[in-house]
Amino acid sequence: MQVSVCYSEPGQQAWLRIEVDEAATAGTAIERSGILGMFPAIDLDSQKVGVFGKVVKLDAPLRPGDRVEIYRAITCDPATVPRRQMDDEED
């Protein structure tokens, strides 16, 4: 079955479509994709993984067409960042 594996860092991103066995898990898809070699900073022991925006464990089974996402830590708290005013963008 076909699934995709996604990861993004500032200035670089990857969205890889791969073929996996019907019994594939999120973890096996990540390993098979080769993305760990492309982004050596990925640490699956500390980073969360999700499927279509929902956090899952590495042993979560996949379905055809699933998008496995590897999440980075948030670098700023959105609640503390002031919103830009629309008026500022029009000036």
Protein backbone atom coordinates (compact mmCIF):
# COMPACT_ATOMS: atom_id res chain seq x y z
CA MET A 1 0.00 0.00 0.00
CA GLN A 2 1.12 3.57 -0.55
CA VAL A 3 1.67 5.99 2.35
CA SER A 4 3.71 9.15 2.80
CA VAL A 5 6.18 10.30 5.43
CA CYS A 6 6.67 14.02 6.12
CA TYR A 7 9.11 16.12 8.10
CA SER A 8 10.07 19.78 8.01
CA GLU A 9 12.89 21.90 9.40
CA PRO A 10 13.42 25.60 8.78
CA GLY A 11 14.50 25.88 5.16
CA GLN A 12 14.13 22.17 4.34
CA GLN A 13 11.23 19.78 4.12
CA ALA A 14 10.52 16.30 2.81
CA TRP A 15 7.31 14.56 1.76
CA LEU A 16 8.13 11.04 0.65
CA ARG A 17 5.63 8.65 -0.91
CA ILE A 18 6.54 5.04 -0.33
CA GLU A 19 5.17 1.51 -0.69
CA VAL A 20 4.85 -0.54 2.51
CA ASP A 21 3.38 -3.90 3.49
CA GLU A 22 -0.27 -4.09 4.50
CA ALA A 23 0.82 -4.68 8.11
CA ALA A 24 3.06 -1.58 8.22
CA THR A 25 3.18 0.70 11.25
CA ALA A 26 4.11 4.36 11.55
CA GLY A 27 7.57 3.33 12.76
CA THR A 28 8.23 0.90 9.91
CA ALA A 29 7.11 3.51 7.36
CA ILE A 30 9.52 6.06 8.83
CA GLU A 31 12.40 3.56 8.73
CA ARG A 32 11.59 2.40 5.20
CA SER A 33 11.28 5.97 3.87
CA GLY A 34 14.95 6.80 4.51
CA ILE A 35 13.97 10.10 6.11
CA LEU A 36 16.10 9.35 9.20
CA GLY A 37 19.19 9.46 6.96
CA MET A 38 18.08 12.74 5.37
CA PHE A 39 17.50 14.41 8.75
CA PRO A 40 19.99 12.99 11.28
CA ALA A 41 18.62 15.30 14.01
CA ILE A 42 15.34 13.33 14.16
CA ASP A 43 15.10 11.53 17.50
CA LEU A 44 12.08 9.23 17.58
CA ASP A 45 12.63 8.65 21.31
CA SER A 46 11.80 12.28 22.04
CA GLN A 47 9.83 13.55 19.03
CA LYS A 48 6.15 12.85 18.52
CA VAL A 49 4.74 11.18 15.43
CA GLY A 50 1.27 11.54 13.97
CA VAL A 51 -1.01 10.50 11.15
CA PHE A 52 -2.96 13.34 9.53
CA GLY A 53 -2.39 15.60 12.55
CA LYS A 54 -3.33 13.06 15.23
CA VAL A 55 -0.50 11.92 17.51
CA VAL A 56 0.07 8.15 17.36
CA LYS A 57 2.59 5.67 18.73
CA LEU A 58 5.24 4.21 16.45
CA ASP A 59 3.43 0.85 16.50
CA ALA A 60 0.18 2.37 15.17
CA PRO A 61 -1.05 0.45 12.10
CA LEU A 62 -1.36 2.36 8.84
CA ARG A 63 -4.04 2.41 6.16
CA PRO A 64 -3.56 3.09 2.45
CA GLY A 65 -2.97 6.79 1.78
CA ASP A 66 -2.00 7.70 5.37
CA ARG A 67 0.43 10.58 5.90
CA VAL A 68 2.92 9.89 8.71
CA GLU A 69 4.22 13.15 10.22
CA ILE A 70 7.26 13.62 12.44
CA TYR A 71 6.82 16.65 14.69
CA ARG A 72 9.47 19.07 15.93
CA ALA A 73 9.34 20.86 19.26
CA ILE A 74 7.54 24.20 19.25
CA THR A 75 10.11 26.99 19.43
CA CYS A 76 7.73 29.68 20.66
CA ASP A 77 4.47 29.70 22.58
CA PRO A 78 1.71 30.96 20.23
CA ALA A 79 -0.19 32.29 23.25
CA THR A 80 2.63 34.72 24.04
CA VAL A 81 3.35 35.93 20.50
CA PRO A 82 1.43 39.13 19.70
CA ARG A 83 -0.83 38.94 16.67
CA ARG A 84 -0.10 41.21 13.74
CA GLN A 85 -2.80 43.72 13.06
CA MET A 86 -4.33 43.75 9.58
CA ASP A 87 -3.75 47.52 9.47
CA ASP A 88 0.01 46.96 9.76
CA GLU A 89 0.01 44.80 6.62
CA GLU A 90 -1.86 47.39 4.55
CA ASP A 91 0.59 50.26 5.26
